[in-house]
Protein backbone atom coordinates (compact mmCIF):
# COMPACT_ATOMS: atom_id res chain seq x y z
CA MET A 1 4.85 34.77 -11.53
CA ALA A 2 2.20 36.64 -13.79
CA GLN A 3 -1.11 37.85 -11.87
CA ARG A 4 -4.22 37.01 -14.29
CA PRO A 5 -6.80 37.01 -11.53
CA ARG A 6 -9.60 36.21 -14.20
CA LEU A 7 -8.46 32.81 -15.13
CA LEU A 8 -7.48 31.89 -11.39
CA LYS A 9 -11.01 33.42 -9.90
CA PRO A 10 -12.91 30.35 -10.83
CA PHE A 11 -9.95 28.21 -9.18
CA ILE A 12 -9.62 30.18 -5.87
CA GLU A 13 -13.48 30.05 -5.67
CA LYS A 14 -13.21 26.28 -5.72
CA VAL A 15 -10.40 26.17 -3.40
CA ILE A 16 -12.19 28.52 -0.85
CA VAL A 17 -15.84 26.27 -1.00
CA LEU A 18 -13.87 23.30 -0.45
CA ASN A 19 -12.06 25.36 2.47
CA LYS A 20 -15.19 26.21 3.93
CA GLN A 21 -16.90 22.66 4.13
CA HIS A 22 -13.75 20.87 5.50
CA ARG A 23 -11.87 24.00 7.40
CA LEU A 24 -8.55 23.01 5.49
CA PHE A 25 -6.82 26.19 6.29
CA LYS A 26 -7.61 29.54 8.44
CA GLU A 27 -6.44 33.28 8.94
CA GLY A 28 -2.63 32.92 10.30
CA ASP A 29 -2.00 29.29 9.35
CA SER A 30 1.60 28.24 8.24
CA ILE A 31 1.43 25.62 5.06
CA LEU A 32 4.10 23.24 4.12
CA LEU A 33 3.67 22.46 0.31
CA ALA A 34 4.86 19.04 -1.20
CA LEU A 35 6.21 20.42 -4.07
CA SER A 36 7.68 17.77 -6.70
CA GLY A 37 7.89 20.69 -9.63
CA GLY A 38 5.26 18.61 -11.74
CA PRO A 39 1.96 20.58 -12.79
CA ASP A 40 0.20 19.81 -9.93
CA SER A 41 2.11 21.11 -7.22
CA VAL A 42 3.13 24.10 -9.03
CA PHE A 43 -0.20 24.73 -9.46
CA LEU A 44 -1.07 24.31 -5.57
CA LEU A 45 2.11 26.90 -4.92
CA HIS A 46 0.64 29.05 -7.55
CA ILE A 47 -3.09 29.06 -5.52
CA LEU A 48 -1.56 29.95 -2.59
CA THR A 49 0.32 32.43 -3.13
CA HIS A 50 -2.62 33.97 -4.24
CA LEU A 51 -4.27 33.32 -0.87
CA VAL A 52 -1.39 34.67 1.17
CA LYS A 53 -2.68 38.31 1.43
CA GLN A 54 -6.53 37.03 1.76
CA PHE A 55 -6.11 34.69 4.73
CA ASN A 56 -2.41 35.54 6.17
CA LEU A 57 -0.58 32.75 5.20
CA SER A 58 2.48 31.74 5.70
CA ILE A 59 3.55 29.61 3.11
CA GLY A 60 7.11 26.63 2.91
CA ALA A 61 7.48 24.00 0.23
CA ALA A 62 9.32 21.11 0.59
CA HIS A 63 11.05 18.33 -2.04
CA ILE A 64 12.53 15.08 -2.26
CA ASN A 65 15.18 13.78 -4.55
CA HIS A 66 14.10 10.09 -4.65
CA GLY A 67 17.50 8.98 -6.48
CA LEU A 68 15.98 7.20 -8.98
CA ARG A 69 16.06 9.22 -12.16
CA GLY A 70 19.65 10.98 -12.45
CA ALA A 71 20.34 13.80 -13.93
CA ALA A 72 16.55 14.39 -14.45
CA ALA A 73 16.08 14.39 -10.94
CA ARG A 74 18.79 16.75 -10.11
CA ALA A 75 16.96 18.63 -12.73
CA ASP A 76 13.99 18.60 -10.96
CA GLU A 77 15.28 19.56 -7.64
CA GLN A 78 17.19 22.72 -8.86
CA PHE A 79 13.57 23.82 -10.66
CA CYS A 80 12.31 23.76 -7.05
CA VAL A 81 15.26 25.82 -5.51
CA GLU A 82 14.85 28.29 -8.39
CA LEU A 83 11.15 28.61 -8.28
CA CYS A 84 11.25 29.07 -4.60
CA ALA A 85 13.82 31.52 -4.72
CA ARG A 86 11.78 33.64 -7.15
CA LEU A 87 8.87 33.51 -4.89
CA SER A 88 10.59 33.85 -1.42
CA ILE A 89 9.54 31.02 -0.30
CA PRO A 90 11.93 28.64 2.02
CA LEU A 91 12.48 25.28 0.68
CA TYR A 92 13.40 22.35 2.54
CA VAL A 93 15.22 19.40 0.53
CA LYS A 94 16.07 15.74 1.07
CA ARG A 95 17.86 13.35 -0.99
CA VAL A 96 17.00 9.48 -0.69
CA GLN A 97 18.58 6.22 -2.51
CA LEU A 98 14.58 4.86 -2.64
CA LEU A 99 15.56 1.81 -4.71
CA LYS A 100 17.55 0.59 -1.85
CA ILE A 101 15.07 1.71 0.97
CA ALA A 102 12.46 -0.19 -0.93
CA GLN A 103 14.41 -3.67 -1.40
CA SER A 104 15.48 -2.80 2.41
CA ARG A 105 11.76 -3.04 3.80
CA GLY A 106 10.58 -5.29 0.86
CA LEU A 107 8.08 -2.50 -0.12
CA SER A 108 7.29 -1.51 -3.74
CA VAL A 109 8.90 1.38 -5.12
CA GLU A 110 5.50 3.24 -5.13
CA GLU A 111 4.61 2.61 -1.22
CA ALA A 112 8.34 3.29 -0.17
CA GLY A 113 8.06 6.68 -1.79
CA ARG A 114 4.89 7.42 -0.19
CA LYS A 115 6.26 6.10 3.08
CA VAL A 116 9.48 8.57 2.74
CA ARG A 117 7.90 11.54 1.48
CA TYR A 118 5.28 12.06 4.44
CA THR A 119 7.79 10.88 6.87
CA PHE A 120 9.85 13.98 5.85
CA LEU A 121 6.85 16.06 5.29
CA GLU A 122 6.17 15.25 9.06
CA LEU A 123 9.28 16.01 10.33
CA VAL A 124 9.77 19.23 8.43
CA LYS A 125 6.47 20.31 9.70
CA GLN A 126 7.17 19.55 13.44
CA LYS A 127 10.75 20.98 13.19
CA TYR A 128 9.56 24.36 11.26
CA ARG A 129 6.11 24.37 13.32
CA TYR A 130 3.88 24.22 10.43
CA THR A 131 0.27 23.85 11.01
CA ALA A 132 -0.77 22.00 8.01
CA ILE A 133 0.87 19.65 5.20
CA ALA A 134 -0.58 20.50 1.53
CA THR A 135 -0.32 17.50 -1.33
CA ALA A 136 -1.34 18.48 -5.01
CA HIS A 137 -3.92 15.74 -5.17
CA ASN A 138 -6.72 16.43 -7.63
CA LEU A 139 -9.92 15.35 -8.80
CA ASP A 140 -8.66 12.84 -11.33
CA ASP A 141 -6.38 11.12 -8.24
CA ASN A 142 -9.38 11.01 -6.50
CA MET A 143 -11.12 8.97 -9.07
CA GLU A 144 -8.10 6.76 -9.70
CA SER A 145 -8.00 5.61 -6.10
CA VAL A 146 -11.58 4.91 -5.95
CA LEU A 147 -10.85 2.82 -9.11
CA MET A 148 -8.08 1.07 -7.91
CA ALA A 149 -10.18 0.43 -4.51
CA VAL A 150 -13.03 -1.06 -6.26
CA CYS A 151 -11.05 -3.33 -8.15
CA SER A 152 -9.09 -4.60 -5.29
CA GLY A 153 -12.26 -5.63 -3.33
CA THR A 154 -12.88 -2.44 -0.88
CA GLY A 155 -15.53 -2.01 1.45
CA ILE A 156 -16.69 1.14 2.72
CA ASN A 157 -13.83 3.26 2.84
CA GLY A 158 -12.59 2.27 -0.52
CA LEU A 159 -15.08 4.51 -1.65
CA LEU A 160 -14.17 7.50 0.14
CA GLY A 161 -11.24 7.92 -2.00
CA ILE A 162 -8.71 10.78 -1.21
CA ALA A 163 -9.75 12.77 1.82
CA PRO A 164 -9.81 16.81 1.63
CA LYS A 165 -8.05 16.81 5.02
CA ALA A 166 -6.59 13.96 7.35
CA ASP A 167 -3.95 13.46 9.66
CA GLY A 168 -2.58 16.93 9.38
CA VAL A 169 -2.65 16.64 5.56
CA ILE A 170 -4.82 19.17 3.19
CA ARG A 171 -5.67 18.72 -0.61
CA PRO A 172 -6.97 22.05 -1.53
CA VAL A 173 -7.22 21.73 -5.33
CA LEU A 174 -9.10 18.17 -4.57
CA THR A 175 -12.03 19.19 -6.32
CA ILE A 176 -10.00 20.71 -10.04
CA ALA A 177 -9.84 18.38 -12.72
CA LYS A 178 -6.26 17.66 -14.21
CA ALA A 179 -7.14 18.95 -17.54
CA ASP A 180 -7.95 22.47 -16.17
CA ILE A 181 -4.71 22.37 -14.09
CA LEU A 182 -2.88 22.03 -16.84
CA THR A 183 -4.91 24.41 -19.36
CA TYR A 184 -4.22 27.01 -17.00
CA LEU A 185 -0.70 26.33 -16.54
CA GLN A 186 0.05 26.53 -20.29
CA ALA A 187 -2.41 29.79 -20.60
CA GLU A 188 -0.23 31.45 -17.83
CA GLY A 189 3.48 30.35 -19.39
CA LEU A 190 4.15 28.68 -16.47
CA ASP A 191 6.93 25.63 -16.35
CA TYR A 192 6.74 22.74 -14.22
CA CYS A 193 8.66 19.36 -14.51
CA THR A 194 7.72 16.21 -16.33
CA ASP A 195 8.59 12.95 -14.58
CA GLU A 196 8.44 10.10 -17.45
CA SER A 197 7.94 8.00 -14.94
CA ASN A 198 4.56 8.54 -14.60
CA THR A 199 3.93 7.17 -17.73
CA ASP A 200 5.25 3.46 -16.77
CA ILE A 201 2.19 1.40 -16.61
CA HIS A 202 3.78 -1.06 -14.65
CA PHE A 203 2.89 1.17 -11.62
CA ARG A 204 -0.87 0.30 -10.94
CA ARG A 205 -1.84 3.64 -10.62
CA ASN A 206 -0.36 4.64 -14.04
CA PHE A 207 -1.72 1.69 -15.81
CA VAL A 208 -5.34 3.36 -14.59
CA ARG A 209 -4.64 6.65 -15.75
CA HIS A 210 -3.67 5.63 -18.93
CA LYS A 211 -5.35 2.86 -19.69
CA ILE A 212 -8.67 2.73 -17.48
CA THR A 213 -9.48 6.31 -17.33
CA PRO A 214 -9.47 7.28 -20.84
CA LEU A 215 -12.01 4.53 -21.62
CA ILE A 216 -14.33 5.61 -18.78
CA LEU A 217 -14.47 9.47 -19.97
CA GLU A 218 -14.56 8.78 -23.65
CA GLY A 219 -16.90 5.87 -23.38
CA LEU A 220 -19.20 6.66 -20.60
CA ASN A 221 -19.13 9.90 -18.93
CA PRO A 222 -17.13 12.88 -19.98
CA ASN A 223 -17.75 14.03 -16.44
CA ALA A 224 -16.98 10.60 -14.41
CA ALA A 225 -14.38 12.41 -12.05
CA GLU A 226 -16.86 14.47 -10.96
CA ALA A 227 -19.48 12.19 -10.29
CA VAL A 228 -16.72 9.78 -8.53
CA MET A 229 -16.20 12.75 -6.26
CA ARG A 230 -19.87 13.11 -5.71
CA LEU A 231 -19.94 9.45 -4.74
CA SER A 232 -17.15 9.76 -2.16
CA ASP A 233 -18.88 12.53 -0.66
CA THR A 234 -22.07 10.76 0.09
CA VAL A 235 -20.09 7.91 1.51
CA ARG A 236 -18.22 10.05 3.80
CA GLY A 237 -21.52 11.49 5.33
CA MET A 238 -23.24 8.32 5.58
CA LYS A 239 -19.75 6.88 7.15
CA GLY A 240 -20.46 8.38 10.40
CA PHE A 241 -23.65 6.82 10.85
CA ILE A 242 -22.44 3.70 9.38
CA GLU A 243 -19.44 3.35 12.03
CA GLU A 244 -22.14 4.04 14.69
CA GLN A 245 -23.80 0.71 14.08
CA VAL A 246 -20.60 -0.90 13.34
CA GLN A 247 -19.47 0.11 16.88
CA LEU A 248 -23.00 -1.13 18.57
CA ALA A 249 -22.73 -4.46 16.92
CA VAL A 250 -19.42 -4.98 18.16
CA VAL A 251 -20.64 -4.63 21.74
CA PHE A 252 -23.69 -6.54 21.10
CA SER A 253 -21.86 -9.66 19.38
CA SER A 254 -18.69 -9.96 20.44
CA THR A 255 -16.56 -10.32 23.54
CA GLY A 256 -12.78 -10.66 24.37
CA SER A 257 -8.87 -9.47 25.14
CA LYS A 258 -5.82 -9.02 23.15
CA GLU A 259 -4.70 -12.81 21.96
CA ARG A 260 -8.86 -14.22 21.83
CA CYS A 261 -12.12 -13.26 21.14
CA THR A 262 -15.20 -14.80 20.72
CA VAL A 263 -17.84 -13.65 18.16
CA ASN A 264 -21.53 -15.06 19.04
CA ILE A 265 -22.62 -16.75 15.64
CA GLU A 266 -26.22 -16.02 16.38
CA LYS A 267 -25.98 -12.37 17.15
CA ILE A 268 -23.72 -11.89 14.16
CA GLN A 269 -26.26 -13.09 11.77
CA VAL A 270 -29.27 -11.03 12.73
CA VAL A 271 -26.67 -7.83 12.24
CA ASN A 272 -28.06 -6.03 9.20
CA PRO A 273 -25.87 -8.14 6.07
CA PHE A 274 -24.51 -4.82 4.79
CA ILE A 275 -22.25 -4.27 7.81
CA GLN A 276 -21.60 -7.75 8.77
CA SER A 277 -18.05 -7.56 6.98
CA GLU A 278 -17.20 -4.20 8.74
CA VAL A 279 -18.59 -5.91 12.13
CA ILE A 280 -16.10 -8.90 11.69
CA LYS A 281 -13.24 -6.71 10.44
CA LYS A 282 -13.68 -4.15 13.70
CA ILE A 283 -13.76 -6.83 16.15
CA VAL A 284 -10.42 -8.61 14.97
CA LEU A 285 -8.84 -5.14 14.35
CA GLU A 286 -10.22 -3.73 18.20
CA TYR A 287 -9.21 -7.09 20.02
CA MET A 288 -6.01 -8.45 17.83
CA GLY A 289 -5.21 -5.41 16.40
CA THR A 290 -4.82 -7.23 12.76
CA ALA A 291 -6.30 -6.18 9.50
CA LEU A 292 -7.89 -9.33 7.99
CA SER A 293 -8.48 -8.93 3.87
CA SER A 294 -12.02 -8.75 2.51
CA VAL A 295 -11.73 -12.46 1.33
CA GLU A 296 -10.58 -13.37 5.35
CA ILE A 297 -13.63 -11.48 6.40
CA GLN A 298 -15.91 -13.44 4.13
CA ASN A 299 -14.52 -16.64 5.25
CA ILE A 300 -15.05 -16.42 8.73
CA LEU A 301 -18.59 -15.30 7.75
CA ARG A 302 -18.91 -18.86 5.59
CA LEU A 303 -17.40 -20.45 8.87
CA CYS A 304 -20.70 -19.42 11.04
CA GLY A 305 -22.47 -21.77 8.60
CA LYS A 306 -20.04 -25.06 9.14
CA GLN A 307 -20.44 -27.86 10.97
CA LYS A 308 -18.65 -27.61 15.17
CA GLY A 309 -14.54 -28.00 14.68
CA ARG A 310 -14.51 -26.55 11.14
CA GLU A 311 -10.89 -23.87 11.19
CA LEU A 312 -9.46 -21.33 9.47
CA LEU A 313 -6.23 -20.02 9.69
CA LEU A 314 -5.94 -16.09 9.17
CA SER A 315 -3.54 -13.37 8.95
CA GLY A 316 -1.68 -12.37 11.93
CA ASN A 317 -1.23 -16.16 12.99
CA ILE A 318 -4.95 -16.01 13.95
CA GLN A 319 -6.68 -19.03 14.05
CA ALA A 320 -10.66 -19.51 13.48
CA VAL A 321 -12.30 -22.18 14.93
CA ARG A 322 -16.34 -22.71 14.62
CA GLU A 323 -17.82 -24.32 18.23
CA SER A 324 -21.18 -25.01 19.05
CA HIS A 325 -22.33 -21.47 19.15
CA ASP A 326 -19.71 -19.29 18.73
CA ILE A 327 -16.47 -18.12 16.28
CA VAL A 328 -13.56 -18.29 18.33
CA LEU A 329 -10.71 -16.41 17.48
CA ALA A 330 -6.97 -16.84 19.13
CA ARG A 331 -3.51 -16.00 17.93
CA GLN A 332 -1.35 -18.95 17.62
CA ASN A 333 2.25 -19.43 18.38
CA ASP A 334 4.56 -20.44 15.87
CA SER A 335 4.94 -24.00 17.16
CA GLY A 336 3.27 -25.58 13.96
CA SER A 337 6.03 -23.74 11.52
CA ASP A 338 9.16 -25.42 9.98
CA LYS A 339 12.32 -24.07 10.92
CA MET A 340 15.08 -25.24 8.34
CA ASN A 341 17.43 -27.48 9.24
CA TYR A 342 20.95 -26.84 7.75
CA SER A 343 24.54 -26.32 8.25
CA ASP A 344 26.13 -23.35 7.85
CA SER A 345 29.95 -24.96 6.66
CA LEU A 346 30.40 -25.57 3.08
CA ASN A 347 28.81 -28.76 1.67
CA GLY A 348 27.73 -29.63 5.58
CA THR A 349 25.61 -32.02 6.36
CA LYS A 350 21.81 -32.26 5.77
CA ASN A 351 18.90 -33.40 8.44
CA LYS A 352 17.21 -36.04 6.76
CA THR A 353 14.09 -36.00 8.13
CA SER A 354 13.22 -32.05 7.58
CA ARG A 355 10.67 -31.29 4.77
CA LEU A 356 12.73 -27.81 3.95
CA LEU A 357 16.74 -28.40 4.38
CA ILE A 358 19.37 -25.98 3.67
CA GLU A 359 23.21 -26.44 2.91
CA ARG A 360 25.79 -23.70 2.37
CA ILE A 361 27.53 -24.37 -1.14
CA TYR A 362 30.50 -23.03 -3.69
CA LYS A 363 29.01 -20.86 -6.49
CA LYS A 364 30.53 -23.82 -8.83
CA ASP A 365 27.98 -26.21 -7.21
CA VAL A 366 24.79 -24.18 -8.35
CA ILE A 367 22.55 -26.08 -11.05
CA LEU A 368 19.51 -23.60 -11.91
CA GLY A 369 16.68 -25.17 -13.15
CA SER A 370 17.59 -28.69 -12.22
CA ASN A 371 14.45 -29.72 -10.22
CA LYS A 372 11.55 -27.16 -9.16
CA PHE A 373 12.20 -27.98 -5.24
CA ILE A 374 15.43 -26.99 -5.36
CA GLU A 375 16.25 -23.33 -5.24
CA TYR A 376 19.36 -21.48 -4.29
CA ILE A 377 19.21 -17.92 -2.52
CA ASP A 378 21.68 -15.42 -1.57
CA ALA A 379 22.34 -16.00 1.98
CA ASP A 380 23.50 -12.41 2.83
CA LYS A 381 20.12 -11.01 2.06
CA LEU A 382 18.30 -12.92 4.84
CA ALA A 383 17.26 -10.95 7.91
CA GLY A 384 17.45 -13.79 10.04
CA GLU A 385 16.43 -17.62 10.37
CA PRO A 386 14.11 -18.90 7.56
CA VAL A 387 11.06 -20.65 8.45
CA LEU A 388 8.55 -22.76 6.22
CA ARG A 389 4.77 -22.40 7.05
CA LYS A 390 1.86 -22.79 5.08
CA TRP A 391 0.53 -19.56 2.28
CA ARG A 392 -1.72 -17.26 4.03
CA ASP A 393 -4.15 -14.73 2.73
CA GLY A 394 -2.41 -11.76 2.00
CA ASP A 395 1.18 -12.94 1.58
CA VAL A 396 3.09 -11.03 -0.81
CA PHE A 397 6.33 -11.16 -2.74
CA PHE A 398 8.25 -9.97 -5.81
CA PRO A 399 8.29 -12.85 -8.17
CA ILE A 400 11.21 -13.76 -10.72
CA GLY A 401 10.00 -12.81 -13.93
CA MET A 402 7.04 -10.54 -13.05
CA ALA A 403 6.93 -6.79 -12.64
CA GLY A 404 6.58 -5.35 -9.13
CA ARG A 405 5.27 -7.47 -6.07
CA LYS A 406 2.34 -9.72 -6.27
CA LYS A 407 -0.33 -11.38 -3.73
CA VAL A 408 0.98 -15.18 -3.32
CA SER A 409 -3.07 -15.79 -4.00
CA ASP A 410 -2.96 -14.12 -7.29
CA PHE A 411 0.29 -15.81 -8.19
CA LEU A 412 -1.33 -19.41 -7.48
CA THR A 413 -4.12 -18.30 -9.60
CA ASP A 414 -1.74 -16.94 -12.45
CA ILE A 415 -0.17 -20.41 -12.68
CA LYS A 416 -3.53 -22.39 -12.82
CA ILE A 417 -2.62 -25.38 -10.07
CA SER A 418 -5.01 -27.24 -8.89
CA THR A 419 -7.16 -26.57 -6.01
CA VAL A 420 -5.51 -29.16 -3.90
CA GLU A 421 -1.63 -28.04 -4.37
CA ARG A 422 -3.18 -24.18 -3.96
CA GLU A 423 -4.50 -25.43 -0.40
CA ASN A 424 -1.09 -27.83 0.30
CA THR A 425 1.42 -25.02 -1.44
CA GLU A 426 4.17 -23.69 1.36
CA VAL A 427 6.40 -20.53 1.74
CA VAL A 428 9.77 -19.88 3.21
CA THR A 429 9.77 -17.15 4.98
CA ASP A 430 12.49 -14.13 6.22
CA GLY A 431 10.67 -12.69 9.39
CA ASP A 432 7.87 -10.67 7.44
CA ALA A 433 9.05 -11.25 3.89
CA ILE A 434 8.22 -14.31 1.68
CA VAL A 435 11.83 -16.05 0.36
CA TRP A 436 10.55 -18.55 -2.03
CA VAL A 437 6.80 -19.82 -2.98
CA ALA A 438 8.29 -23.41 -2.37
CA GLY A 439 8.30 -25.72 -5.61
CA GLN A 440 7.01 -22.83 -7.67
CA ARG A 441 8.97 -19.27 -7.47
CA LEU A 442 11.97 -17.66 -5.81
CA ASP A 443 11.36 -13.94 -4.35
CA ARG A 444 13.96 -11.56 -6.61
CA ARG A 445 15.05 -10.09 -3.58
CA TYR A 446 16.73 -13.28 -2.73
CA LYS A 447 18.25 -14.44 -6.17
CA LEU A 448 21.97 -14.77 -6.95
CA THR A 449 24.22 -12.02 -8.47
CA GLU A 450 27.34 -11.37 -9.94
CA ALA A 451 27.94 -9.83 -6.30
CA THR A 452 26.72 -12.76 -4.26
CA LYS A 453 29.34 -14.09 -1.75
CA LYS A 454 27.45 -16.60 0.34
CA ILE A 455 24.90 -19.36 -1.23
CA TYR A 456 21.94 -21.44 0.19
CA LYS A 457 20.94 -24.19 -1.45
CA LEU A 458 17.26 -24.86 -0.47
CA ILE A 459 15.46 -28.37 -0.67
CA TYR A 460 11.63 -28.57 -0.29
CA ARG A 461 10.18 -32.01 0.02
CA ALA A 462 6.80 -31.61 0.45
CA ASP A 463 6.13 -35.46 1.03
CA GLY A 464 9.09 -35.27 3.96
CA LYS A 465 10.99 -37.47 1.44
CA ASN A 466 14.41 -36.78 -0.13
CA THR A 467 13.91 -35.37 -3.24
CA ASN A 468 17.65 -36.12 -4.64
């Protein structure tokens, strides 16, 4: 790599300032860089090589070939191999089939990719005794993260954006703008790889990056990314104080155990309204180990104003009940769920009393689209015995005809069903995965394909009567 300290100096200074503020690394540390071959990671590698002498650092790099882009992915891998060889930096490479991993775990490709990357990085870090993992998140990435969190209905934590240092991962170029990174690489004549999937706006972050952020920068504030970073820093400074107040309120207003806890209504109502939601969230997380959505938390707070006996069913099979002076939260068993009655023999006899029936049929007997209360699935995709239950806030699935995954709540809103229908909608589940929003839409992971060998016919009877 060419050495032009004059161009690099302002970036080095920003990294050093961030390091002093957050203690990212110290003299003698060994840093493992997540190297994709893209502009950001190449820039970070360039920065770190210029800091080696000053801080007596050791540097290694890790690259994952996700197996998504064929020859292009292999070219990225080879680029990283050659780049690290020129710099005499050890490189650790792993190849995976990310699409298969995502499908098997019921995750989006984005989520699966993140989990696979950080798992691999942590394994390499531990095996070769690196002191930290470095990723190339930049100023623009932080703005995108905050915007996505805000649009998803975040609490305080969503405004924190990307942490400069967390869980053994450091982000030395977090305060440097993407435009400045690209300008520098061009001025230095430094090559990097371009991932065409980064322009696919079906991915949430890409949509924000290519559709939302440019409008903000051009129409509202060209320095918006810096402004958002200042917001994140301010909230980060406030977070410690807020957490102390939340913990005091948890102790003040609640008692409980792992499977059951009680929130005193009078006490939670005198808590500062600004932190009431955070208090409820922490109570349920501490006592019952379940993270509730913001909508569920607000529903619990609204339940305080309801009459005795009103109930809510929440994520993690938790039931909230309004008692005389308390909200009691207890984990329910699955006895209220309706397991499918079925025969695994071809054209087996169906149980005439169940609201959800299943029978194994031949492919020639499939009649698609004949009745919205009848669906066909690839039985070999099932991990266990399917169960019928009411949909819950936080349920997600991969609806046929739509890109990516979607919350069931958002899907029901999109198809504009009545409030009564929405409240009574049920889902067929396979463990934690949604198989079918009954009478509405199948999850594409269970759809029939040319390779399907074993077919189940699902028959849903919302009123308990035969649909045939």
